[in-house]
C-alpha cells in the first residue's frame, strides 16, 4: 500500500495549451478536495532547438520568459478557480517526461493533459496516481467509475476510487467485466450463467469491507458480460472520473491491465486515473 502523501502537493504539468489548462483546473479541484497544495510545473524542453552536438549558447535562458508566461497563466487559472488555494509554480529544464517523472517522486498525485504522449508514458509507471484529462472529456457525470477484476492488483485503484467518491460526493459505480473462458481443446459445454453468478459473488464479498469502511459512499456493483475495454468506455460516458489499475505481480497480469489502462487513455469519455499496483 502507499505511504501517506498528506504533506505532498498535487502536481499539474502544463505546456500552455488549452488542453493543459483543463488539467490545471482538474488539479486545482483535486487539491481543494484533498486539502493539499497545488504545484504547477512547466518543462522548458531545449530539443529540437538545442542538441548535444550543436549546442545553442544560452538556449535555456532564452526560454525562461515564455516559460514564466505559461506558468503565470496556469497559476491564474488555478487561483481564479479556488482563490484560497496554495499554489506554487516551477520552471524546470529538461524533457517533459523526465521532469514529470522526477516531480512524481515528491507528489501526492500527477495530473496531465491528454493531447500528447507523456501521460501514456507515465501512467502506471510512477508510484502515484496519474490523472489524464483528455480533450473533450470534461467529466461532468454524476459518478466515479472504477474498473475491478477482483485481483489484488486492483486494490489500490479501488481504494483511490472510494476516496474520490467520498471527497467529491459522487456515487461510485464498480464495473466488473467478464467473459466466458475460451478453450483451445475439445468443445465443452459451459454454464455461463453459473460463471457469472460465481464472479458476482466473489466481487460482492471483496467489496464488503470497502463498503463498511466507506459507509457514506453510495456504491453500485455493475456486472457486465463484455470485454473490460468496451464495458469501461461505455461506463465512462456517464462518469466524472474513471479509475483503473495497472501493473500486477506477473508479466501476464501486467500486460492485461496495461492494455486496459492504455485503451482508457485513448478512448474514455472522461478524465482517467491510473493507479499503479506497486503504489
C-alpha atoms as a PDB file:
ATOM      1  CA  UNK A   1       0.000   0.000   0.000  1.00  0.00           C
ATOM      2  CA  UNK A   2       1.117   3.584  -0.481  1.00  0.00           C
ATOM      3  CA  UNK A   3       2.542   5.584   2.353  1.00  0.00           C
ATOM      4  CA  UNK A   4       0.684   8.716   3.384  1.00  0.00           C
ATOM      5  CA  UNK A   5       1.224  11.603   0.995  1.00  0.00           C
ATOM      6  CA  UNK A   6      -0.662  14.087   3.156  1.00  0.00           C
ATOM      7  CA  UNK A   7       2.203  16.582   3.067  1.00  0.00           C
ATOM      8  CA  UNK A   8       2.820  16.347  -0.671  1.00  0.00           C
ATOM      9  CA  UNK A   9       1.267  18.552  -3.374  1.00  0.00           C
ATOM     10  CA  UNK A  10      -0.919  17.725  -6.317  1.00  0.00           C
ATOM     11  CA  UNK A  11       1.345  18.314  -9.324  1.00  0.00           C
ATOM     12  CA  UNK A  12      -0.044  19.511 -12.652  1.00  0.00           C
ATOM     13  CA  UNK A  13       2.054  19.602 -15.800  1.00  0.00           C
ATOM     14  CA  UNK A  14       1.361  22.366 -18.293  1.00  0.00           C
ATOM     15  CA  UNK A  15       2.657  23.364 -21.704  1.00  0.00           C
ATOM     16  CA  UNK A  16       0.453  26.415 -22.075  1.00  0.00           C
ATOM     17  CA  UNK A  17      -2.169  24.809 -24.326  1.00  0.00           C
ATOM     18  CA  UNK A  18      -5.920  24.834 -23.768  1.00  0.00           C
ATOM     19  CA  UNK A  19      -5.752  21.092 -23.095  1.00  0.00           C
ATOM     20  CA  UNK A  20      -3.223  21.676 -20.328  1.00  0.00           C
ATOM     21  CA  UNK A  21      -5.459  24.374 -18.834  1.00  0.00           C
ATOM     22  CA  UNK A  22      -8.175  21.730 -18.381  1.00  0.00           C
ATOM     23  CA  UNK A  23      -5.665  19.607 -16.483  1.00  0.00           C
ATOM     24  CA  UNK A  24      -4.721  22.553 -14.275  1.00  0.00           C
ATOM     25  CA  UNK A  25      -8.399  23.151 -13.486  1.00  0.00           C
ATOM     26  CA  UNK A  26      -8.893  19.478 -12.588  1.00  0.00           C
ATOM     27  CA  UNK A  27      -5.740  19.509 -10.439  1.00  0.00           C
ATOM     28  CA  UNK A  28      -6.910  22.643  -8.622  1.00  0.00           C
ATOM     29  CA  UNK A  29     -10.240  20.998  -7.860  1.00  0.00           C
ATOM     30  CA  UNK A  30      -8.428  17.895  -6.607  1.00  0.00           C
ATOM     31  CA  UNK A  31      -6.090  19.908  -4.404  1.00  0.00           C
ATOM     32  CA  UNK A  32      -9.086  21.732  -2.933  1.00  0.00           C
ATOM     33  CA  UNK A  33     -10.936  18.450  -2.270  1.00  0.00           C
ATOM     34  CA  UNK A  34      -7.955  16.895  -0.537  1.00  0.00           C
ATOM     35  CA  UNK A  35      -6.782  19.994   1.300  1.00  0.00           C
ATOM     36  CA  UNK A  36      -3.376  19.842  -0.399  1.00  0.00           C
ATOM     37  CA  UNK A  37      -1.239  22.494  -2.111  1.00  0.00           C
ATOM     38  CA  UNK A  38      -1.001  22.636  -5.894  1.00  0.00           C
ATOM     39  CA  UNK A  39       2.289  22.774  -7.768  1.00  0.00           C
ATOM     40  CA  UNK A  40       2.196  23.639 -11.472  1.00  0.00           C
ATOM     41  CA  UNK A  41       5.238  22.570 -13.484  1.00  0.00           C
ATOM     42  CA  UNK A  42       6.401  23.547 -16.953  1.00  0.00           C
ATOM     43  CA  UNK A  43       9.324  21.773 -18.639  1.00  0.00           C
ATOM     44  CA  UNK A  44      11.477  24.044 -20.788  1.00  0.00           C
ATOM     45  CA  UNK A  45      12.467  21.491 -23.410  1.00  0.00           C
ATOM     46  CA  UNK A  46      15.528  22.592 -25.394  1.00  0.00           C
ATOM     47  CA  UNK A  47      15.000  19.987 -28.086  1.00  0.00           C
ATOM     48  CA  UNK A  48      14.740  20.344 -31.036  1.00  0.00           C
ATOM     49  CA  UNK A  49      16.308  23.787 -30.692  1.00  0.00           C
ATOM     50  CA  UNK A  50      19.441  22.587 -28.916  1.00  0.00           C
ATOM     51  CA  UNK A  51      21.381  19.318 -29.339  1.00  0.00           C
ATOM     52  CA  UNK A  52      24.493  17.997 -27.575  1.00  0.00           C
ATOM     53  CA  UNK A  53      26.400  18.086 -30.855  1.00  0.00           C
ATOM     54  CA  UNK A  54      25.279  21.570 -31.828  1.00  0.00           C
ATOM     55  CA  UNK A  55      24.534  23.441 -28.587  1.00  0.00           C
ATOM     56  CA  UNK A  56      22.958  26.857 -28.701  1.00  0.00           C
ATOM     57  CA  UNK A  57      24.502  29.283 -26.188  1.00  0.00           C
ATOM     58  CA  UNK A  58      22.032  30.437 -23.518  1.00  0.00           C
ATOM     59  CA  UNK A  59      19.229  28.328 -25.048  1.00  0.00           C
ATOM     60  CA  UNK A  60      17.557  27.682 -21.703  1.00  0.00           C
ATOM     61  CA  UNK A  61      17.892  31.328 -20.632  1.00  0.00           C
ATOM     62  CA  UNK A  62      16.097  32.380 -23.797  1.00  0.00           C
ATOM     63  CA  UNK A  63      13.226  30.020 -22.996  1.00  0.00           C
ATOM     64  CA  UNK A  64      12.708  31.324 -19.460  1.00  0.00           C
ATOM     65  CA  UNK A  65      10.438  34.331 -20.309  1.00  0.00           C
ATOM     66  CA  UNK A  66       7.946  32.253 -22.316  1.00  0.00           C
ATOM     67  CA  UNK A  67       8.053  29.513 -19.684  1.00  0.00           C
ATOM     68  CA  UNK A  68       7.251  32.015 -16.965  1.00  0.00           C
ATOM     69  CA  UNK A  69       4.308  33.283 -19.011  1.00  0.00           C
ATOM     70  CA  UNK A  70       2.952  29.740 -19.287  1.00  0.00           C
ATOM     71  CA  UNK A  71       3.220  29.265 -15.523  1.00  0.00           C
ATOM     72  CA  UNK A  72       1.750  32.683 -14.689  1.00  0.00           C
ATOM     73  CA  UNK A  73      -1.306  31.890 -16.793  1.00  0.00           C
ATOM     74  CA  UNK A  74      -1.708  28.459 -15.222  1.00  0.00           C
ATOM     75  CA  UNK A  75      -1.390  29.924 -11.734  1.00  0.00           C
ATOM     76  CA  UNK A  76      -4.100  32.471 -12.546  1.00  0.00           C
ATOM     77  CA  UNK A  77      -6.387  29.686 -13.799  1.00  0.00           C
ATOM     78  CA  UNK A  78      -5.973  27.817 -10.518  1.00  0.00           C
ATOM     79  CA  UNK A  79      -6.348  30.868  -8.276  1.00  0.00           C
ATOM     80  CA  UNK A  80      -9.408  32.115 -10.147  1.00  0.00           C
ATOM     81  CA  UNK A  81     -10.988  28.727  -9.544  1.00  0.00           C
ATOM     82  CA  UNK A  82     -10.050  28.482  -5.844  1.00  0.00           C
ATOM     83  CA  UNK A  83      -8.822  31.863  -4.503  1.00  0.00           C
ATOM     84  CA  UNK A  84      -7.669  30.406  -1.175  1.00  0.00           C
ATOM     85  CA  UNK A  85      -5.680  27.549  -2.690  1.00  0.00           C
ATOM     86  CA  UNK A  86      -1.942  27.350  -2.018  1.00  0.00           C
ATOM     87  CA  UNK A  87      -0.337  27.398  -5.480  1.00  0.00           C
ATOM     88  CA  UNK A  88       3.349  27.285  -6.401  1.00  0.00           C
ATOM     89  CA  UNK A  89       4.981  27.052  -9.818  1.00  0.00           C
ATOM     90  CA  UNK A  90       8.221  25.546 -11.071  1.00  0.00           C
ATOM     91  CA  UNK A  91      10.080  26.021 -14.331  1.00  0.00           C
ATOM     92  CA  UNK A  92      12.294  23.002 -14.987  1.00  0.00           C
ATOM     93  CA  UNK A  93      14.983  22.404 -17.573  1.00  0.00           C
ATOM     94  CA  UNK A  94      14.533  19.100 -19.417  1.00  0.00           C
ATOM     95  CA  UNK A  95      12.305  16.771 -21.397  1.00  0.00           C
ATOM     96  CA  UNK A  96       8.687  16.775 -20.107  1.00  0.00           C
ATOM     97  CA  UNK A  97       8.634  13.045 -19.392  1.00  0.00           C
ATOM     98  CA  UNK A  98      11.825  13.131 -17.352  1.00  0.00           C
ATOM     99  CA  UNK A  99      10.834  16.298 -15.491  1.00  0.00           C
ATOM    100  CA  UNK A 100       7.384  14.971 -14.555  1.00  0.00           C
ATOM    101  CA  UNK A 101       8.717  11.552 -13.558  1.00  0.00           C
ATOM    102  CA  UNK A 102      11.028  13.318 -11.122  1.00  0.00           C
ATOM    103  CA  UNK A 103       8.165  15.520  -9.883  1.00  0.00           C
ATOM    104  CA  UNK A 104       6.104  12.392  -9.174  1.00  0.00           C
ATOM    105  CA  UNK A 105       8.668  11.351  -6.553  1.00  0.00           C
ATOM    106  CA  UNK A 106       7.593  14.337  -4.452  1.00  0.00           C
ATOM    107  CA  UNK A 107       3.886  14.424  -5.345  1.00  0.00           C
ATOM    108  CA  UNK A 108       0.656  13.022  -3.985  1.00  0.00           C
ATOM    109  CA  UNK A 109      -0.780  12.844  -7.491  1.00  0.00           C
ATOM    110  CA  UNK A 110       0.180  13.801 -11.035  1.00  0.00           C
ATOM    111  CA  UNK A 111      -2.329  15.489 -13.374  1.00  0.00           C
ATOM    112  CA  UNK A 112      -1.696  15.918 -17.090  1.00  0.00           C
ATOM    113  CA  UNK A 113      -3.478  16.980 -20.235  1.00  0.00           C
ATOM    114  CA  UNK A 114      -4.284  14.196 -22.673  1.00  0.00           C
ATOM    115  CA  UNK A 115      -3.247  15.690 -26.017  1.00  0.00           C
ATOM    116  CA  UNK A 116       0.318  14.332 -26.047  1.00  0.00           C
ATOM    117  CA  UNK A 117       2.211  11.092 -25.387  1.00  0.00           C
ATOM    118  CA  UNK A 118       3.580  11.998 -21.936  1.00  0.00           C
ATOM    119  CA  UNK A 119       0.525  10.850 -19.992  1.00  0.00           C
ATOM    120  CA  UNK A 120       0.614   7.414 -21.551  1.00  0.00           C
ATOM    121  CA  UNK A 121       4.321   7.069 -20.806  1.00  0.00           C
ATOM    122  CA  UNK A 122       3.924   7.975 -17.131  1.00  0.00           C
ATOM    123  CA  UNK A 123       0.573   6.427 -16.224  1.00  0.00           C
ATOM    124  CA  UNK A 124       1.203   3.148 -14.448  1.00  0.00           C
ATOM    125  CA  UNK A 125       4.960   3.766 -14.349  1.00  0.00           C
ATOM    126  CA  UNK A 126       5.231   6.091 -11.342  1.00  0.00           C
ATOM    127  CA  UNK A 127       4.293   5.356  -7.750  1.00  0.00           C
ATOM    128  CA  UNK A 128       1.465   7.907  -7.507  1.00  0.00           C
ATOM    129  CA  UNK A 129      -1.898   8.077  -9.262  1.00  0.00           C
ATOM    130  CA  UNK A 130      -1.705   9.721 -12.682  1.00  0.00           C
ATOM    131  CA  UNK A 131      -4.824  11.537 -13.877  1.00  0.00           C
ATOM    132  CA  UNK A 132      -5.047  12.282 -17.596  1.00  0.00           C
ATOM    133  CA  UNK A 133      -7.651  14.857 -18.619  1.00  0.00           C
ATOM    134  CA  UNK A 134      -8.354  14.135 -22.246  1.00  0.00           C
ATOM    135  CA  UNK A 135      -9.617  16.763 -24.734  1.00  0.00           C
ATOM    136  CA  UNK A 136     -13.402  16.860 -24.952  1.00  0.00           C
ATOM    137  CA  UNK A 137     -13.701  14.800 -21.768  1.00  0.00           C
ATOM    138  CA  UNK A 138     -14.788  17.307 -19.105  1.00  0.00           C
ATOM    139  CA  UNK A 139     -16.009  14.622 -16.736  1.00  0.00           C
ATOM    140  CA  UNK A 140     -19.336  16.246 -15.938  1.00  0.00           C
ATOM    141  CA  UNK A 141     -21.000  12.979 -14.959  1.00  0.00           C
ATOM    142  CA  UNK A 142     -22.545  12.217 -11.603  1.00  0.00           C
ATOM    143  CA  UNK A 143     -20.475   9.184 -10.619  1.00  0.00           C
ATOM    144  CA  UNK A 144     -16.992   7.800 -10.197  1.00  0.00           C
ATOM    145  CA  UNK A 145     -16.411   4.596 -12.172  1.00  0.00           C
ATOM    146  CA  UNK A 146     -13.827   2.031 -11.097  1.00  0.00           C
ATOM    147  CA  UNK A 147     -12.743  -0.949 -13.126  1.00  0.00           C
ATOM    148  CA  UNK A 148     -12.466  -4.028 -10.892  1.00  0.00           C
ATOM    149  CA  UNK A 149     -11.337  -7.537 -11.829  1.00  0.00           C
ATOM    150  CA  UNK A 150     -11.240  -8.985  -8.326  1.00  0.00           C
ATOM    151  CA  UNK A 151      -7.441  -9.237  -8.269  1.00  0.00           C
ATOM    152  CA  UNK A 152      -5.078  -7.928  -5.622  1.00  0.00           C
ATOM    153  CA  UNK A 153      -3.609  -5.594  -8.240  1.00  0.00           C
ATOM    154  CA  UNK A 154      -6.923  -3.726  -8.395  1.00  0.00           C
ATOM    155  CA  UNK A 155      -6.938  -2.897  -4.672  1.00  0.00           C
ATOM    156  CA  UNK A 156      -5.035   0.440  -4.821  1.00  0.00           C
ATOM    157  CA  UNK A 157      -7.273   1.648  -7.658  1.00  0.00           C
ATOM    158  CA  UNK A 158     -10.392   0.688  -5.716  1.00  0.00           C
ATOM    159  CA  UNK A 159      -9.115   2.478  -2.605  1.00  0.00           C
ATOM    160  CA  UNK A 160      -8.451   5.608  -4.672  1.00  0.00           C
ATOM    161  CA  UNK A 161     -11.909   5.418  -6.273  1.00  0.00           C
ATOM    162  CA  UNK A 162     -13.688   5.130  -2.921  1.00  0.00           C
ATOM    163  CA  UNK A 163     -11.738   8.088  -1.550  1.00  0.00           C
ATOM    164  CA  UNK A 164     -12.510  10.197  -4.636  1.00  0.00           C
ATOM    165  CA  UNK A 165     -16.195   9.347  -4.341  1.00  0.00           C
ATOM    166  CA  UNK A 166     -16.204  10.288  -0.653  1.00  0.00           C
ATOM    167  CA  UNK A 167     -14.429  13.596  -1.252  1.00  0.00           C
ATOM    168  CA  UNK A 168     -16.499  14.592  -4.279  1.00  0.00           C
ATOM    169  CA  UNK A 169     -19.866  13.341  -3.023  1.00  0.00           C
ATOM    170  CA  UNK A 170     -20.351  11.267  -6.169  1.00  0.00           C
ATOM    171  CA  UNK A 171     -21.850   7.809  -6.376  1.00  0.00           C
ATOM    172  CA  UNK A 172     -19.297   5.031  -7.031  1.00  0.00           C
ATOM    173  CA  UNK A 173     -20.015   2.500  -9.764  1.00  0.00           C
ATOM    174  CA  UNK A 174     -17.717  -0.534  -9.644  1.00  0.00           C
ATOM    175  CA  UNK A 175     -17.632  -2.190 -13.062  1.00  0.00           C
ATOM    176  CA  UNK A 176     -16.640  -5.847 -13.106  1.00  0.00           C
ATOM    177  CA  UNK A 177     -16.466  -7.042 -16.708  1.00  0.00           C
ATOM    178  CA  UNK A 178     -16.129 -10.713 -17.516  1.00  0.00           C
ATOM    179  CA  UNK A 179     -16.193 -13.038 -20.491  1.00  0.00           C
ATOM    180  CA  UNK A 180     -16.720 -16.807 -20.667  1.00  0.00           C
ATOM    181  CA  UNK A 181     -13.468 -18.797 -20.772  1.00  0.00           C
ATOM    182  CA  UNK A 182     -12.192 -19.752 -24.209  1.00  0.00           C
ATOM    183  CA  UNK A 183     -10.901 -23.292 -24.598  1.00  0.00           C
ATOM    184  CA  UNK A 184      -8.482 -24.358 -27.320  1.00  0.00           C
ATOM    185  CA  UNK A 185      -9.309 -28.038 -26.734  1.00  0.00           C
ATOM    186  CA  UNK A 186     -12.468 -30.062 -27.377  1.00  0.00           C
ATOM    187  CA  UNK A 187     -15.718 -28.120 -27.221  1.00  0.00           C
ATOM    188  CA  UNK A 188     -17.092 -28.238 -23.668  1.00  0.00           C
ATOM    189  CA  UNK A 189     -20.497 -27.062 -22.553  1.00  0.00           C
ATOM    190  CA  UNK A 190     -20.069 -24.009 -20.295  1.00  0.00           C
ATOM    191  CA  UNK A 191     -22.745 -22.707 -17.951  1.00  0.00           C
ATOM    192  CA  UNK A 192     -22.135 -19.009 -18.467  1.00  0.00           C
ATOM    193  CA  UNK A 193     -24.909 -18.123 -16.047  1.00  0.00           C
ATOM    194  CA  UNK A 194     -23.174 -20.048 -13.263  1.00  0.00           C
ATOM    195  CA  UNK A 195     -19.835 -18.423 -14.120  1.00  0.00           C
ATOM    196  CA  UNK A 196     -21.467 -15.015 -13.917  1.00  0.00           C
ATOM    197  CA  UNK A 197     -23.003 -15.779 -10.522  1.00  0.00           C
ATOM    198  CA  UNK A 198     -19.661 -17.000  -9.162  1.00  0.00           C
ATOM    199  CA  UNK A 199     -17.886 -13.865 -10.389  1.00  0.00           C
ATOM    200  CA  UNK A 200     -20.566 -11.641  -8.878  1.00  0.00           C
ATOM    201  CA  UNK A 201     -20.437 -13.431  -5.508  1.00  0.00           C
ATOM    202  CA  UNK A 202     -16.668 -13.038  -5.430  1.00  0.00           C
ATOM    203  CA  UNK A 203     -16.873  -9.356  -6.299  1.00  0.00           C
ATOM    204  CA  UNK A 204     -19.532  -8.649  -3.690  1.00  0.00           C
ATOM    205  CA  UNK A 205     -17.522 -10.387  -0.972  1.00  0.00           C
ATOM    206  CA  UNK A 206     -14.418  -8.387  -1.836  1.00  0.00           C
ATOM    207  CA  UNK A 207     -16.376  -5.130  -1.858  1.00  0.00           C
ATOM    208  CA  UNK A 208     -17.999  -5.708   1.551  1.00  0.00           C
ATOM    209  CA  UNK A 209     -15.012  -4.458   3.547  1.00  0.00           C
ATOM    210  CA  UNK A 210     -14.728  -1.340   1.378  1.00  0.00           C
ATOM    211  CA  UNK A 211     -18.425  -0.571   1.751  1.00  0.00           C
ATOM    212  CA  UNK A 212     -18.101  -0.907   5.517  1.00  0.00           C
ATOM    213  CA  UNK A 213     -15.106   1.422   5.550  1.00  0.00           C
ATOM    214  CA  UNK A 214     -16.803   3.992   3.299  1.00  0.00           C
ATOM    215  CA  UNK A 215     -20.346   3.669   4.572  1.00  0.00           C
ATOM    216  CA  UNK A 216     -21.203   7.190   3.425  1.00  0.00           C
ATOM    217  CA  UNK A 217     -20.388   6.390  -0.231  1.00  0.00           C
ATOM    218  CA  UNK A 218     -23.275   5.172  -2.359  1.00  0.00           C
ATOM    219  CA  UNK A 219     -21.845   2.147  -4.174  1.00  0.00           C
ATOM    220  CA  UNK A 220     -23.217   0.082  -7.029  1.00  0.00           C
ATOM    221  CA  UNK A 221     -21.667  -3.088  -8.436  1.00  0.00           C
ATOM    222  CA  UNK A 222     -22.194  -3.395 -12.175  1.00  0.00           C
ATOM    223  CA  UNK A 223     -21.508  -6.888 -13.548  1.00  0.00           C
ATOM    224  CA  UNK A 224     -21.034  -6.674 -17.324  1.00  0.00           C
ATOM    225  CA  UNK A 225     -20.548  -9.609 -19.684  1.00  0.00           C
ATOM    226  CA  UNK A 226     -18.165  -7.899 -22.080  1.00  0.00           C
ATOM    227  CA  UNK A 227     -14.511  -7.141 -22.642  1.00  0.00           C
ATOM    228  CA  UNK A 228     -13.230  -4.711 -19.948  1.00  0.00           C
ATOM    229  CA  UNK A 229     -12.319  -2.073 -22.520  1.00  0.00           C
ATOM    230  CA  UNK A 230     -15.808  -1.997 -24.051  1.00  0.00           C
ATOM    231  CA  UNK A 231     -17.514  -2.042 -20.646  1.00  0.00           C
ATOM    232  CA  UNK A 232     -15.394   0.779 -19.199  1.00  0.00           C
ATOM    233  CA  UNK A 233     -15.575   3.013 -22.265  1.00  0.00           C
ATOM    234  CA  UNK A 234     -19.360   2.723 -22.156  1.00  0.00           C
ATOM    235  CA  UNK A 235     -19.470   3.474 -18.406  1.00  0.00           C
ATOM    236  CA  UNK A 236     -17.128   6.456 -18.819  1.00  0.00           C
ATOM    237  CA  UNK A 237     -19.788   8.342 -20.787  1.00  0.00           C
ATOM    238  CA  UNK A 238     -21.686   8.883 -17.522  1.00  0.00           C
ATOM    239  CA  UNK A 239     -18.658   9.418 -15.274  1.00  0.00           C
ATOM    240  CA  UNK A 240     -16.880  12.323 -13.660  1.00  0.00           C
ATOM    241  CA  UNK A 241     -13.772  10.148 -13.400  1.00  0.00           C
ATOM    242  CA  UNK A 242     -12.743   6.654 -14.477  1.00  0.00           C
ATOM    243  CA  UNK A 243     -10.270   4.807 -12.233  1.00  0.00           C
ATOM    244  CA  UNK A 244      -8.258   1.814 -13.449  1.00  0.00           C
ATOM    245  CA  UNK A 245      -5.366  -0.177 -12.042  1.00  0.00           C
ATOM    246  CA  UNK A 246      -2.116  -1.038 -13.734  1.00  0.00           C
ATOM    247  CA  UNK A 247       0.766  -3.489 -13.242  1.00  0.00           C
ATOM    248  CA  UNK A 248       0.164  -6.773 -11.496  1.00  0.00           C
ATOM    249  CA  UNK A 249       2.691  -9.099  -9.903  1.00  0.00           C
ATOM    250  CA  UNK A 250       3.461 -11.075 -13.047  1.00  0.00           C
ATOM    251  CA  UNK A 251       4.093 -10.301 -16.682  1.00  0.00           C
ATOM    252  CA  UNK A 252       0.754 -11.662 -17.919  1.00  0.00           C
ATOM    253  CA  UNK A 253      -1.351  -9.661 -15.434  1.00  0.00           C
ATOM    254  CA  UNK A 254       0.703  -6.560 -16.109  1.00  0.00           C
ATOM    255  CA  UNK A 255       0.143  -6.916 -19.856  1.00  0.00           C
ATOM    256  CA  UNK A 256      -3.642  -7.329 -19.480  1.00  0.00           C
ATOM    257  CA  UNK A 257      -4.097  -4.470 -17.031  1.00  0.00           C
ATOM    258  CA  UNK A 258      -1.700  -2.351 -19.053  1.00  0.00           C
ATOM    259  CA  UNK A 259      -3.701  -2.899 -22.232  1.00  0.00           C
ATOM    260  CA  UNK A 260      -6.910  -1.828 -20.481  1.00  0.00           C
ATOM    261  CA  UNK A 261      -5.397   1.298 -18.947  1.00  0.00           C
ATOM    262  CA  UNK A 262      -3.780   2.294 -22.239  1.00  0.00           C
ATOM    263  CA  UNK A 263      -7.070   1.855 -24.067  1.00  0.00           C
ATOM    264  CA  UNK A 264      -8.832   4.037 -21.490  1.00  0.00           C
ATOM    265  CA  UNK A 265      -6.315   6.825 -22.022  1.00  0.00           C
ATOM    266  CA  UNK A 266      -7.190   6.747 -25.713  1.00  0.00           C
ATOM    267  CA  UNK A 267     -10.937   6.154 -25.682  1.00  0.00           C
ATOM    268  CA  UNK A 268     -12.523   7.064 -22.326  1.00  0.00           C
ATOM    269  CA  UNK A 269     -15.056   9.897 -22.380  1.00  0.00           C
ATOM    270  CA  UNK A 270     -13.976  11.388 -19.044  1.00  0.00           C
ATOM    271  CA  UNK A 271     -10.727  12.011 -17.141  1.00  0.00           C
ATOM    272  CA  UNK A 272      -8.861   8.786 -16.341  1.00  0.00           C
ATOM    273  CA  UNK A 273      -6.900   7.977 -13.173  1.00  0.00           C
ATOM    274  CA  UNK A 274      -4.361   5.174 -13.484  1.00  0.00           C
ATOM    275  CA  UNK A 275      -3.267   3.794 -10.118  1.00  0.00           C
ATOM    276  CA  UNK A 276      -0.255   1.545 -10.099  1.00  0.00           C
ATOM    277  CA  UNK A 277      -0.408  -1.655  -8.070  1.00  0.00           C
ATOM    278  CA  UNK A 278       3.133  -1.173  -6.749  1.00  0.00           C
ATOM    279  CA  UNK A 279       1.977   2.147  -5.290  1.00  0.00           C
END
